[in-house]
PDB file of N, CA and C in Angstrom:
ATOM      1  N   MET A   1     -32.922  26.423 -41.234  1.00  0.00           N
ATOM      2  CA  MET A   1     -34.297  26.376 -40.770  1.00  0.00           C
ATOM      3  C   MET A   1     -34.414  25.512 -39.587  1.00  0.00           C
ATOM      4  N   LYS A   2     -35.045  25.903 -38.564  1.00  0.00           N
ATOM      5  CA  LYS A   2     -35.419  25.015 -37.430  1.00  0.00           C
ATOM      6  C   LYS A   2     -36.846  24.757 -37.407  1.00  0.00           C
ATOM      7  N   LEU A   3     -37.153  23.544 -37.165  1.00  0.00           N
ATOM      8  CA  LEU A   3     -38.550  23.076 -37.284  1.00  0.00           C
ATOM      9  C   LEU A   3     -38.900  22.358 -35.868  1.00  0.00           C
ATOM     10  N   LYS A   4     -39.939  22.934 -35.221  1.00  0.00           N
ATOM     11  CA  LYS A   4     -40.535  22.326 -34.037  1.00  0.00           C
ATOM     12  C   LYS A   4     -41.950  21.994 -34.175  1.00  0.00           C
ATOM     13  N   THR A   5     -42.301  20.808 -33.677  1.00  0.00           N
ATOM     14  CA  THR A   5     -43.650  20.270 -33.730  1.00  0.00           C
ATOM     15  C   THR A   5     -44.284  20.418 -32.403  1.00  0.00           C
ATOM     16  N   ILE A   6     -45.542  21.074 -32.329  1.00  0.00           N
ATOM     17  CA  ILE A   6     -46.297  21.284 -31.100  1.00  0.00           C
ATOM     18  C   ILE A   6     -47.642  20.844 -31.327  1.00  0.00           C
ATOM     19  N   GLU A   7     -48.223  19.863 -30.605  1.00  0.00           N
ATOM     20  CA  GLU A   7     -49.564  19.426 -30.629  1.00  0.00           C
ATOM     21  C   GLU A   7     -50.439  20.375 -29.785  1.00  0.00           C
ATOM     22  N   LYS A   8     -51.389  21.032 -30.355  1.00  0.00           N
ATOM     23  CA  LYS A   8     -52.270  22.002 -29.650  1.00  0.00           C
ATOM     24  C   LYS A   8     -53.697  21.710 -29.897  1.00  0.00           C
ATOM     25  N   TYR A   9     -54.484  21.285 -28.901  1.00  0.00           N
ATOM     26  CA  TYR A   9     -55.866  21.060 -29.164  1.00  0.00           C
ATOM     27  C   TYR A   9     -56.127  19.975 -30.351  1.00  0.00           C
ATOM     28  N   GLU A  10     -56.792  20.457 -31.381  1.00  0.00           N
ATOM     29  CA  GLU A  10     -57.094  19.549 -32.456  1.00  0.00           C
ATOM     30  C   GLU A  10     -56.069  19.835 -33.633  1.00  0.00           C
ATOM     31  N   ALA A  11     -55.077  20.421 -33.402  1.00  0.00           N
ATOM     32  CA  ALA A  11     -54.099  20.784 -34.561  1.00  0.00           C
ATOM     33  C   ALA A  11     -52.665  20.569 -34.161  1.00  0.00           C
ATOM     34  N   VAL A  12     -51.899  20.452 -35.130  1.00  0.00           N
ATOM     35  CA  VAL A  12     -50.342  20.317 -35.085  1.00  0.00           C
ATOM     36  C   VAL A  12     -49.761  21.558 -35.535  1.00  0.00           C
ATOM     37  N   VAL A  13     -49.031  22.213 -34.730  1.00  0.00           N
ATOM     38  CA  VAL A  13     -48.424  23.439 -35.082  1.00  0.00           C
ATOM     39  C   VAL A  13     -46.933  23.213 -35.464  1.00  0.00           C
ATOM     40  N   LEU A  14     -46.527  23.570 -36.729  1.00  0.00           N
ATOM     41  CA  LEU A  14     -45.206  23.435 -37.151  1.00  0.00           C
ATOM     42  C   LEU A  14     -44.534  24.824 -37.072  1.00  0.00           C
ATOM     43  N   GLU A  15     -43.714  24.929 -36.088  1.00  0.00           N
ATOM     44  CA  GLU A  15     -43.062  26.295 -35.790  1.00  0.00           C
ATOM     45  C   GLU A  15     -41.698  26.278 -36.602  1.00  0.00           C
ATOM     46  N   ILE A  16     -41.630  27.312 -37.558  1.00  0.00           N
ATOM     47  CA  ILE A  16     -40.438  27.328 -38.318  1.00  0.00           C
ATOM     48  C   ILE A  16     -39.636  28.580 -37.903  1.00  0.00           C
ATOM     49  N   LYS A  17     -38.303  28.495 -37.750  1.00  0.00           N
ATOM     50  CA  LYS A  17     -37.526  29.628 -37.404  1.00  0.00           C
ATOM     51  C   LYS A  17     -36.317  29.700 -38.271  1.00  0.00           C
ATOM     52  N   GLY A  18     -35.821  30.905 -38.563  1.00  0.00           N
ATOM     53  CA  GLY A  18     -34.711  31.104 -39.381  1.00  0.00           C
ATOM     54  C   GLY A  18     -34.984  31.313 -40.844  1.00  0.00           C
ATOM     55  N   ASN A  19     -34.058  30.986 -41.694  1.00  0.00           N
ATOM     56  CA  ASN A  19     -34.215  31.210 -43.127  1.00  0.00           C
ATOM     57  C   ASN A  19     -34.803  29.879 -43.777  1.00  0.00           C
ATOM     58  N   VAL A  20     -35.782  30.059 -44.654  1.00  0.00           N
ATOM     59  CA  VAL A  20     -36.369  28.935 -45.397  1.00  0.00           C
ATOM     60  C   VAL A  20     -35.970  29.028 -46.790  1.00  0.00           C
ATOM     61  N   MET A  21     -35.071  27.988 -47.065  1.00  0.00           N
ATOM     62  CA  MET A  21     -34.384  28.067 -48.408  1.00  0.00           C
ATOM     63  C   MET A  21     -34.581  26.815 -49.147  1.00  0.00           C
ATOM     64  N   GLY A  22     -35.480  25.875 -48.761  1.00  0.00           N
ATOM     65  CA  GLY A  22     -35.705  24.632 -49.501  1.00  0.00           C
ATOM     66  C   GLY A  22     -34.625  23.521 -49.238  1.00  0.00           C
ATOM     67  N   GLY A  23     -34.275  22.926 -50.304  1.00  0.00           N
ATOM     68  CA  GLY A  23     -33.240  21.885 -50.192  1.00  0.00           C
ATOM     69  C   GLY A  23     -33.500  20.768 -49.247  1.00  0.00           C
ATOM     70  N   ASP A  24     -32.612  20.518 -48.310  1.00  0.00           N
ATOM     71  CA  ASP A  24     -32.785  19.400 -47.374  1.00  0.00           C
ATOM     72  C   ASP A  24     -34.067  19.682 -46.429  1.00  0.00           C
ATOM     73  N   ASP A  25     -34.192  20.926 -46.128  1.00  0.00           N
ATOM     74  CA  ASP A  25     -35.285  21.386 -45.302  1.00  0.00           C
ATOM     75  C   ASP A  25     -36.628  20.903 -45.901  1.00  0.00           C
ATOM     76  N   THR A  26     -36.735  21.026 -47.215  1.00  0.00           N
ATOM     77  CA  THR A  26     -38.040  20.696 -47.840  1.00  0.00           C
ATOM     78  C   THR A  26     -38.214  19.141 -47.655  1.00  0.00           C
ATOM     79  N   LYS A  27     -37.217  18.419 -47.859  1.00  0.00           N
ATOM     80  CA  LYS A  27     -37.408  16.984 -47.643  1.00  0.00           C
ATOM     81  C   LYS A  27     -37.710  16.564 -46.208  1.00  0.00           C
ATOM     82  N   LYS A  28     -37.198  17.203 -45.199  1.00  0.00           N
ATOM     83  CA  LYS A  28     -37.545  17.026 -43.825  1.00  0.00           C
ATOM     84  C   LYS A  28     -38.983  17.415 -43.590  1.00  0.00           C
ATOM     85  N   PHE A  29     -39.410  18.542 -44.206  1.00  0.00           N
ATOM     86  CA  PHE A  29     -40.751  19.085 -44.022  1.00  0.00           C
ATOM     87  C   PHE A  29     -41.760  18.053 -44.618  1.00  0.00           C
ATOM     88  N   ASN A  30     -41.495  17.653 -45.860  1.00  0.00           N
ATOM     89  CA  ASN A  30     -42.452  16.694 -46.478  1.00  0.00           C
ATOM     90  C   ASN A  30     -42.592  15.490 -45.770  1.00  0.00           C
ATOM     91  N   GLU A  31     -41.408  14.832 -45.289  1.00  0.00           N
ATOM     92  CA  GLU A  31     -41.468  13.683 -44.405  1.00  0.00           C
ATOM     93  C   GLU A  31     -42.256  13.857 -43.167  1.00  0.00           C
ATOM     94  N   LEU A  32     -42.166  14.944 -42.574  1.00  0.00           N
ATOM     95  CA  LEU A  32     -42.953  15.204 -41.378  1.00  0.00           C
ATOM     96  C   LEU A  32     -44.425  15.354 -41.701  1.00  0.00           C
ATOM     97  N   LEU A  33     -44.896  15.964 -42.765  1.00  0.00           N
ATOM     98  CA  LEU A  33     -46.201  16.004 -43.166  1.00  0.00           C
ATOM     99  C   LEU A  33     -46.822  14.632 -43.389  1.00  0.00           C
ATOM    100  N   HIS A  34     -46.035  13.695 -44.084  1.00  0.00           N
ATOM    101  CA  HIS A  34     -46.517  12.416 -44.393  1.00  0.00           C
ATOM    102  C   HIS A  34     -46.551  11.651 -43.129  1.00  0.00           C
ATOM    103  N   LYS A  35     -45.751  11.795 -42.226  1.00  0.00           N
ATOM    104  CA  LYS A  35     -45.809  11.154 -40.928  1.00  0.00           C
ATOM    105  C   LYS A  35     -47.057  11.535 -40.119  1.00  0.00           C
ATOM    106  N   LEU A  36     -47.363  12.865 -40.129  1.00  0.00           N
ATOM    107  CA  LEU A  36     -48.647  13.451 -39.572  1.00  0.00           C
ATOM    108  C   LEU A  36     -49.786  12.743 -40.241  1.00  0.00           C
ATOM    109  N   ILE A  37     -49.878  12.654 -41.549  1.00  0.00           N
ATOM    110  CA  ILE A  37     -51.023  12.114 -42.221  1.00  0.00           C
ATOM    111  C   ILE A  37     -51.143  10.598 -41.834  1.00  0.00           C
ATOM    112  N   ASP A  38     -50.059   9.853 -41.706  1.00  0.00           N
ATOM    113  CA  ASP A  38     -50.156   8.406 -41.342  1.00  0.00           C
ATOM    114  C   ASP A  38     -50.669   8.257 -39.887  1.00  0.00           C
ATOM    115  N   GLU A  39     -50.416   9.301 -39.032  1.00  0.00           N
ATOM    116  CA  GLU A  39     -50.989   9.330 -37.688  1.00  0.00           C
ATOM    117  C   GLU A  39     -52.423   9.948 -37.643  1.00  0.00           C
ATOM    118  N   ASN A  40     -52.940  10.330 -38.861  1.00  0.00           N
ATOM    119  CA  ASN A  40     -54.261  10.851 -38.978  1.00  0.00           C
ATOM    120  C   ASN A  40     -54.302  12.247 -38.205  1.00  0.00           C
ATOM    121  N   LYS A  41     -53.248  12.956 -38.296  1.00  0.00           N
ATOM    122  CA  LYS A  41     -53.253  14.333 -37.847  1.00  0.00           C
ATOM    123  C   LYS A  41     -53.255  15.263 -39.013  1.00  0.00           C
ATOM    124  N   LYS A  42     -54.400  15.710 -39.368  1.00  0.00           N
ATOM    125  CA  LYS A  42     -54.497  16.487 -40.660  1.00  0.00           C
ATOM    126  C   LYS A  42     -54.814  17.935 -40.458  1.00  0.00           C
ATOM    127  N   ASN A  43     -54.817  18.482 -39.276  1.00  0.00           N
ATOM    128  CA  ASN A  43     -54.927  19.891 -39.130  1.00  0.00           C
ATOM    129  C   ASN A  43     -53.736  20.559 -38.834  1.00  0.00           C
ATOM    130  N   VAL A  44     -53.072  21.143 -39.771  1.00  0.00           N
ATOM    131  CA  VAL A  44     -51.637  21.615 -39.728  1.00  0.00           C
ATOM    132  C   VAL A  44     -51.679  23.128 -39.775  1.00  0.00           C
ATOM    133  N   VAL A  45     -51.073  23.714 -38.789  1.00  0.00           N
ATOM    134  CA  VAL A  45     -50.790  25.221 -38.828  1.00  0.00           C
ATOM    135  C   VAL A  45     -49.325  25.492 -38.814  1.00  0.00           C
ATOM    136  N   VAL A  46     -48.822  26.198 -39.827  1.00  0.00           N
ATOM    137  CA  VAL A  46     -47.370  26.528 -39.975  1.00  0.00           C
ATOM    138  C   VAL A  46     -47.183  27.966 -39.354  1.00  0.00           C
ATOM    139  N   ASP A  47     -46.447  28.045 -38.300  1.00  0.00           N
ATOM    140  CA  ASP A  47     -46.104  29.256 -37.646  1.00  0.00           C
ATOM    141  C   ASP A  47     -44.928  29.891 -38.267  1.00  0.00           C
ATOM    142  N   LEU A  48     -45.108  30.942 -39.004  1.00  0.00           N
ATOM    143  CA  LEU A  48     -43.907  31.577 -39.756  1.00  0.00           C
ATOM    144  C   LEU A  48     -43.404  32.778 -39.065  1.00  0.00           C
ATOM    145  N   SER A  49     -43.865  33.069 -37.780  1.00  0.00           N
ATOM    146  CA  SER A  49     -43.473  34.276 -37.074  1.00  0.00           C
ATOM    147  C   SER A  49     -42.026  34.383 -36.894  1.00  0.00           C
ATOM    148  N   GLY A  50     -41.284  33.285 -36.808  1.00  0.00           N
ATOM    149  CA  GLY A  50     -39.885  33.203 -36.640  1.00  0.00           C
ATOM    150  C   GLY A  50     -39.040  33.257 -37.783  1.00  0.00           C
ATOM    151  N   VAL A  51     -39.694  33.366 -39.035  1.00  0.00           N
ATOM    152  CA  VAL A  51     -39.023  33.255 -40.286  1.00  0.00           C
ATOM    153  C   VAL A  51     -38.288  34.570 -40.608  1.00  0.00           C
ATOM    154  N   GLN A  52     -37.010  34.637 -40.878  1.00  0.00           N
ATOM    155  CA  GLN A  52     -36.428  35.893 -41.226  1.00  0.00           C
ATOM    156  C   GLN A  52     -36.372  36.125 -42.754  1.00  0.00           C
ATOM    157  N   PHE A  53     -36.146  34.970 -43.502  1.00  0.00           N
ATOM    158  CA  PHE A  53     -36.021  35.132 -44.946  1.00  0.00           C
ATOM    159  C   PHE A  53     -36.572  33.834 -45.613  1.00  0.00           C
ATOM    160  N   MET A  54     -37.278  34.010 -46.730  1.00  0.00           N
ATOM    161  CA  MET A  54     -37.722  32.778 -47.450  1.00  0.00           C
ATOM    162  C   MET A  54     -37.506  33.118 -49.020  1.00  0.00           C
ATOM    163  N   ASN A  55     -36.863  32.106 -49.623  1.00  0.00           N
ATOM    164  CA  ASN A  55     -36.688  32.279 -51.029  1.00  0.00           C
ATOM    165  C   ASN A  55     -37.774  31.469 -51.824  1.00  0.00           C
ATOM    166  N   SER A  56     -37.618  31.448 -53.224  1.00  0.00           N
ATOM    167  CA  SER A  56     -38.658  30.773 -54.044  1.00  0.00           C
ATOM    168  C   SER A  56     -38.695  29.285 -53.665  1.00  0.00           C
ATOM    169  N   SER A  57     -37.652  28.661 -53.242  1.00  0.00           N
ATOM    170  CA  SER A  57     -37.659  27.242 -52.897  1.00  0.00           C
ATOM    171  C   SER A  57     -38.367  27.108 -51.551  1.00  0.00           C
ATOM    172  N   GLY A  58     -38.328  28.002 -50.746  1.00  0.00           N
ATOM    173  CA  GLY A  58     -39.124  28.002 -49.478  1.00  0.00           C
ATOM    174  C   GLY A  58     -40.598  28.070 -49.715  1.00  0.00           C
ATOM    175  N   LEU A  59     -40.899  29.045 -50.724  1.00  0.00           N
ATOM    176  CA  LEU A  59     -42.355  29.110 -51.120  1.00  0.00           C
ATOM    177  C   LEU A  59     -42.890  27.842 -51.730  1.00  0.00           C
ATOM    178  N   GLY A  60     -41.920  27.170 -52.523  1.00  0.00           N
ATOM    179  CA  GLY A  60     -42.389  25.890 -53.138  1.00  0.00           C
ATOM    180  C   GLY A  60     -42.550  24.838 -52.030  1.00  0.00           C
ATOM    181  N   MET A  61     -41.744  24.863 -50.975  1.00  0.00           N
ATOM    182  CA  MET A  61     -41.997  24.002 -49.860  1.00  0.00           C
ATOM    183  C   MET A  61     -43.375  24.117 -49.233  1.00  0.00           C
ATOM    184  N   LEU A  62     -43.915  25.399 -49.097  1.00  0.00           N
ATOM    185  CA  LEU A  62     -45.182  25.738 -48.510  1.00  0.00           C
ATOM    186  C   LEU A  62     -46.223  25.186 -49.501  1.00  0.00           C
ATOM    187  N   ILE A  63     -46.106  25.503 -50.739  1.00  0.00           N
ATOM    188  CA  ILE A  63     -47.037  25.022 -51.756  1.00  0.00           C
ATOM    189  C   ILE A  63     -47.186  23.484 -51.758  1.00  0.00           C
ATOM    190  N   GLY A  64     -45.990  22.807 -51.660  1.00  0.00           N
ATOM    191  CA  GLY A  64     -45.981  21.433 -51.697  1.00  0.00           C
ATOM    192  C   GLY A  64     -46.703  20.925 -50.415  1.00  0.00           C
ATOM    193  N   GLY A  65     -46.476  21.520 -49.244  1.00  0.00           N
ATOM    194  CA  GLY A  65     -47.202  21.213 -48.089  1.00  0.00           C
ATOM    195  C   GLY A  65     -48.669  21.281 -48.197  1.00  0.00           C
ATOM    196  N   LEU A  66     -49.115  22.320 -48.752  1.00  0.00           N
ATOM    197  CA  LEU A  66     -50.558  22.575 -48.959  1.00  0.00           C
ATOM    198  C   LEU A  66     -51.125  21.472 -49.770  1.00  0.00           C
ATOM    199  N   THR A  67     -50.478  21.157 -50.914  1.00  0.00           N
ATOM    200  CA  THR A  67     -50.891  20.187 -51.928  1.00  0.00           C
ATOM    201  C   THR A  67     -50.983  18.861 -51.129  1.00  0.00           C
ATOM    202  N   THR A  68     -49.910  18.482 -50.437  1.00  0.00           N
ATOM    203  CA  THR A  68     -49.989  17.128 -49.758  1.00  0.00           C
ATOM    204  C   THR A  68     -51.012  17.128 -48.750  1.00  0.00           C
ATOM    205  N   MET A  69     -51.361  18.098 -47.953  1.00  0.00           N
ATOM    206  CA  MET A  69     -52.338  17.941 -47.023  1.00  0.00           C
ATOM    207  C   MET A  69     -53.788  17.982 -47.696  1.00  0.00           C
ATOM    208  N   LYS A  70     -53.975  18.764 -48.742  1.00  0.00           N
ATOM    209  CA  LYS A  70     -55.246  18.658 -49.554  1.00  0.00           C
ATOM    210  C   LYS A  70     -55.505  17.297 -50.001  1.00  0.00           C
ATOM    211  N   LYS A  71     -54.478  16.709 -50.670  1.00  0.00           N
ATOM    212  CA  LYS A  71     -54.661  15.310 -51.183  1.00  0.00           C
ATOM    213  C   LYS A  71     -55.104  14.375 -50.154  1.00  0.00           C
ATOM    214  N   ALA A  72     -54.669  14.593 -48.898  1.00  0.00           N
ATOM    215  CA  ALA A  72     -54.982  13.685 -47.752  1.00  0.00           C
ATOM    216  C   ALA A  72     -56.296  14.084 -47.051  1.00  0.00           C
ATOM    217  N   ASP A  73     -57.038  15.005 -47.659  1.00  0.00           N
ATOM    218  CA  ASP A  73     -58.311  15.610 -47.010  1.00  0.00           C
ATOM    219  C   ASP A  73     -57.864  16.308 -45.668  1.00  0.00           C
ATOM    220  N   GLY A  74     -56.703  16.978 -45.721  1.00  0.00           N
ATOM    221  CA  GLY A  74     -56.385  17.735 -44.414  1.00  0.00           C
ATOM    222  C   GLY A  74     -56.373  19.218 -44.789  1.00  0.00           C
ATOM    223  N   TYR A  75     -55.887  19.997 -43.726  1.00  0.00           N
ATOM    224  CA  TYR A  75     -55.872  21.435 -43.755  1.00  0.00           C
ATOM    225  C   TYR A  75     -54.460  21.822 -43.494  1.00  0.00           C
ATOM    226  N   PHE A  76     -53.989  23.021 -44.115  1.00  0.00           N
ATOM    227  CA  PHE A  76     -52.722  23.581 -44.062  1.00  0.00           C
ATOM    228  C   PHE A  76     -52.870  24.973 -43.992  1.00  0.00           C
ATOM    229  N   LYS A  77     -52.672  25.708 -42.859  1.00  0.00           N
ATOM    230  CA  LYS A  77     -52.918  27.048 -42.666  1.00  0.00           C
ATOM    231  C   LYS A  77     -51.634  27.645 -42.201  1.00  0.00           C
ATOM    232  N   LEU A  78     -51.467  28.945 -42.505  1.00  0.00           N
ATOM    233  CA  LEU A  78     -50.244  29.696 -42.192  1.00  0.00           C
ATOM    234  C   LEU A  78     -50.605  30.744 -41.081  1.00  0.00           C
ATOM    235  N   ALA A  79     -49.748  30.878 -40.144  1.00  0.00           N
ATOM    236  CA  ALA A  79     -50.043  31.872 -39.051  1.00  0.00           C
ATOM    237  C   ALA A  79     -48.740  32.723 -38.891  1.00  0.00           C
ATOM    238  N   GLY A  80     -48.879  33.891 -38.361  1.00  0.00           N
ATOM    239  CA  GLY A  80     -47.830  34.704 -37.941  1.00  0.00           C
ATOM    240  C   GLY A  80     -46.993  35.072 -39.034  1.00  0.00           C
ATOM    241  N   ILE A  81     -47.493  35.382 -40.197  1.00  0.00           N
ATOM    242  CA  ILE A  81     -46.624  35.743 -41.326  1.00  0.00           C
ATOM    243  C   ILE A  81     -46.135  37.220 -41.171  1.00  0.00           C
ATOM    244  N   THR A  82     -44.927  37.439 -41.355  1.00  0.00           N
ATOM    245  CA  THR A  82     -44.235  38.635 -41.189  1.00  0.00           C
ATOM    246  C   THR A  82     -44.718  39.577 -42.369  1.00  0.00           C
ATOM    247  N   GLU A  83     -44.402  40.785 -42.232  1.00  0.00           N
ATOM    248  CA  GLU A  83     -44.561  41.671 -43.315  1.00  0.00           C
ATOM    249  C   GLU A  83     -43.757  41.246 -44.727  1.00  0.00           C
ATOM    250  N   LYS A  84     -42.617  40.824 -44.527  1.00  0.00           N
ATOM    251  CA  LYS A  84     -41.754  40.349 -45.576  1.00  0.00           C
ATOM    252  C   LYS A  84     -42.339  39.191 -46.413  1.00  0.00           C
ATOM    253  N   ILE A  85     -42.902  38.272 -45.535  1.00  0.00           N
ATOM    254  CA  ILE A  85     -43.397  36.971 -46.041  1.00  0.00           C
ATOM    255  C   ILE A  85     -44.761  37.441 -46.734  1.00  0.00           C
ATOM    256  N   GLU A  86     -45.502  38.280 -46.119  1.00  0.00           N
ATOM    257  CA  GLU A  86     -46.822  38.624 -46.659  1.00  0.00           C
ATOM    258  C   GLU A  86     -46.623  39.304 -47.905  1.00  0.00           C
ATOM    259  N   SER A  87     -45.627  40.202 -48.047  1.00  0.00           N
ATOM    260  CA  SER A  87     -45.517  40.962 -49.351  1.00  0.00           C
ATOM    261  C   SER A  87     -45.063  39.917 -50.439  1.00  0.00           C
ATOM    262  N   LEU A  88     -44.288  38.897 -50.073  1.00  0.00           N
ATOM    263  CA  LEU A  88     -43.862  37.875 -51.027  1.00  0.00           C
ATOM    264  C   LEU A  88     -45.067  37.028 -51.495  1.00  0.00           C
ATOM    265  N   LEU A  89     -45.936  36.770 -50.555  1.00  0.00           N
ATOM    266  CA  LEU A  89     -47.108  35.964 -50.989  1.00  0.00           C
ATOM    267  C   LEU A  89     -48.046  36.807 -51.827  1.00  0.00           C
ATOM    268  N   ILE A  90     -48.118  38.115 -51.529  1.00  0.00           N
ATOM    269  CA  ILE A  90     -48.951  39.059 -52.311  1.00  0.00           C
ATOM    270  C   ILE A  90     -48.362  39.192 -53.902  1.00  0.00           C
ATOM    271  N   ILE A  91     -47.160  39.493 -53.885  1.00  0.00           N
ATOM    272  CA  ILE A  91     -46.442  39.671 -55.172  1.00  0.00           C
ATOM    273  C   ILE A  91     -46.591  38.396 -56.065  1.00  0.00           C
ATOM    274  N   THR A  92     -46.505  37.203 -55.481  1.00  0.00           N
ATOM    275  CA  THR A  92     -46.567  35.971 -56.264  1.00  0.00           C
ATOM    276  C   THR A  92     -48.033  35.557 -56.382  1.00  0.00           C
ATOM    277  N   LYS A  93     -48.873  36.268 -55.820  1.00  0.00           N
ATOM    278  CA  LYS A  93     -50.384  35.967 -55.810  1.00  0.00           C
ATOM    279  C   LYS A  93     -50.677  34.649 -55.077  1.00  0.00           C
ATOM    280  N   LEU A  94     -49.816  34.157 -54.200  1.00  0.00           N
ATOM    281  CA  LEU A  94     -50.138  32.922 -53.538  1.00  0.00           C
ATOM    282  C   LEU A  94     -50.883  33.213 -52.265  1.00  0.00           C
ATOM    283  N   ILE A  95     -51.019  34.446 -51.923  1.00  0.00           N
ATOM    284  CA  ILE A  95     -51.969  34.866 -50.793  1.00  0.00           C
ATOM    285  C   ILE A  95     -53.313  34.419 -51.025  1.00  0.00           C
ATOM    286  N   THR A  96     -53.645  34.149 -52.199  1.00  0.00           N
ATOM    287  CA  THR A  96     -55.115  33.705 -52.614  1.00  0.00           C
ATOM    288  C   THR A  96     -55.300  32.227 -52.406  1.00  0.00           C
ATOM    289  N   ILE A  97     -54.178  31.389 -52.379  1.00  0.00           N
ATOM    290  CA  ILE A  97     -54.429  29.941 -52.141  1.00  0.00           C
ATOM    291  C   ILE A  97     -54.181  29.462 -50.763  1.00  0.00           C
ATOM    292  N   PHE A  98     -53.636  30.320 -49.906  1.00  0.00           N
ATOM    293  CA  PHE A  98     -53.327  29.879 -48.574  1.00  0.00           C
ATOM    294  C   PHE A  98     -54.285  30.572 -47.583  1.00  0.00           C
ATOM    295  N   GLU A  99     -54.708  29.837 -46.587  1.00  0.00           N
ATOM    296  CA  GLU A  99     -55.500  30.537 -45.514  1.00  0.00           C
ATOM    297  C   GLU A  99     -54.471  30.993 -44.500  1.00  0.00           C
ATOM    298  N   THR A 100     -54.545  32.329 -44.307  1.00  0.00           N
ATOM    299  CA  THR A 100     -53.596  32.935 -43.424  1.00  0.00           C
ATOM    300  C   THR A 100     -54.206  33.491 -42.245  1.00  0.00           C
ATOM    301  N   TYR A 101     -53.533  33.537 -41.095  1.00  0.00           N
ATOM    302  CA  TYR A 101     -54.049  34.000 -39.793  1.00  0.00           C
ATOM    303  C   TYR A 101     -53.007  34.857 -39.068  1.00  0.00           C
ATOM    304  N   GLU A 102     -53.524  35.772 -38.352  1.00  0.00           N
ATOM    305  CA  GLU A 102     -52.488  36.743 -37.644  1.00  0.00           C
ATOM    306  C   GLU A 102     -51.630  35.920 -36.662  1.00  0.00           C
ATOM    307  N   ASP A 103     -52.212  34.989 -35.972  1.00  0.00           N
ATOM    308  CA  ASP A 103     -51.495  34.111 -35.029  1.00  0.00           C
ATOM    309  C   ASP A 103     -51.893  32.737 -34.941  1.00  0.00           C
ATOM    310  N   VAL A 104     -51.212  32.040 -34.274  1.00  0.00           N
ATOM    311  CA  VAL A 104     -51.526  30.490 -34.139  1.00  0.00           C
ATOM    312  C   VAL A 104     -52.765  30.269 -33.581  1.00  0.00           C
ATOM    313  N   GLU A 105     -53.064  30.955 -32.548  1.00  0.00           N
ATOM    314  CA  GLU A 105     -54.410  30.771 -31.756  1.00  0.00           C
ATOM    315  C   GLU A 105     -55.667  30.950 -32.703  1.00  0.00           C
ATOM    316  N   ALA A 106     -55.552  31.917 -33.581  1.00  0.00           N
ATOM    317  CA  ALA A 106     -56.614  32.337 -34.485  1.00  0.00           C
ATOM    318  C   ALA A 106     -56.754  31.153 -35.539  1.00  0.00           C
ATOM    319  N   ALA A 107     -55.574  30.608 -35.963  1.00  0.00           N
ATOM    320  CA  ALA A 107     -55.580  29.538 -36.887  1.00  0.00           C
ATOM    321  C   ALA A 107     -56.238  28.228 -36.305  1.00  0.00           C
ATOM    322  N   ILE A 108     -55.848  27.996 -35.027  1.00  0.00           N
ATOM    323  CA  ILE A 108     -56.353  26.810 -34.370  1.00  0.00           C
ATOM    324  C   ILE A 108     -57.887  26.909 -34.141  1.00  0.00           C
ATOM    325  N   LYS A 109     -58.448  28.098 -33.746  1.00  0.00           N
ATOM    326  CA  LYS A 109     -59.745  28.305 -33.644  1.00  0.00           C
ATOM    327  C   LYS A 109     -60.607  28.130 -34.879  1.00  0.00           C
ATOM    328  N   SER A 110     -60.001  28.436 -35.997  1.00  0.00           N
ATOM    329  CA  SER A 110     -60.635  28.196 -37.280  1.00  0.00           C
ATOM    330  C   SER A 110     -60.961  26.758 -37.553  1.00  0.00           C
ATOM    331  N   PHE A 111     -60.356  25.859 -36.962  1.00  0.00           N
ATOM    332  CA  PHE A 111     -60.655  24.443 -37.169  1.00  0.00           C
ATOM    333  C   PHE A 111     -62.049  24.038 -36.592  1.00  0.00           C
ATOM    334  N   SER A 112     -62.243  24.685 -35.367  1.00  0.00           N
ATOM    335  CA  SER A 112     -63.526  24.309 -34.745  1.00  0.00           C
ATOM    336  C   SER A 112     -64.724  25.006 -35.451  1.00  0.00           C
ATOM    337  N   LYS A 113     -64.442  25.946 -36.256  1.00  0.00           N
ATOM    338  CA  LYS A 113     -65.466  26.633 -37.087  1.00  0.00           C
ATOM    339  C   LYS A 113     -65.910  25.888 -38.358  1.00  0.00           C
ATOM    340  N   LYS A 114     -65.065  25.002 -38.843  1.00  0.00           N
ATOM    341  CA  LYS A 114     -65.334  24.174 -40.027  1.00  0.00           C
ATOM    342  C   LYS A 114     -66.239  23.048 -39.776  1.00  0.00           C
ATOM    343  N   LYS A 115     -66.665  22.677 -38.620  1.00  0.00           N
ATOM    344  CA  LYS A 115     -67.467  21.452 -38.343  1.00  0.00           C
ATOM    345  C   LYS A 115     -68.967  21.895 -38.572  1.00  0.00           C
TER     346      LYS A 115
END
């Protein structure tokens, strides 16, 4: 899994590429979220458009990210989910707990609507 951080307007975009399998990637992801919280950057968009495969540990990583941001009074939104990832979220019923957007721009725009 490759992880890239991009600050855009009032949000931080976490661009994930490759296979999301948990393990060391989960630790890196959680450390990054806590760093963002410490910097008071609490509007997070996870761009999944470059993800080819995600296992249950990868789903756990996303759930952990959502929980971490909610506890910090932040936001954690998913963007660019592929058909494979969307079907995984539907089958596991996790689609109901995540805010999902077609693309990063739509997710970023949603932050200005919450004010």
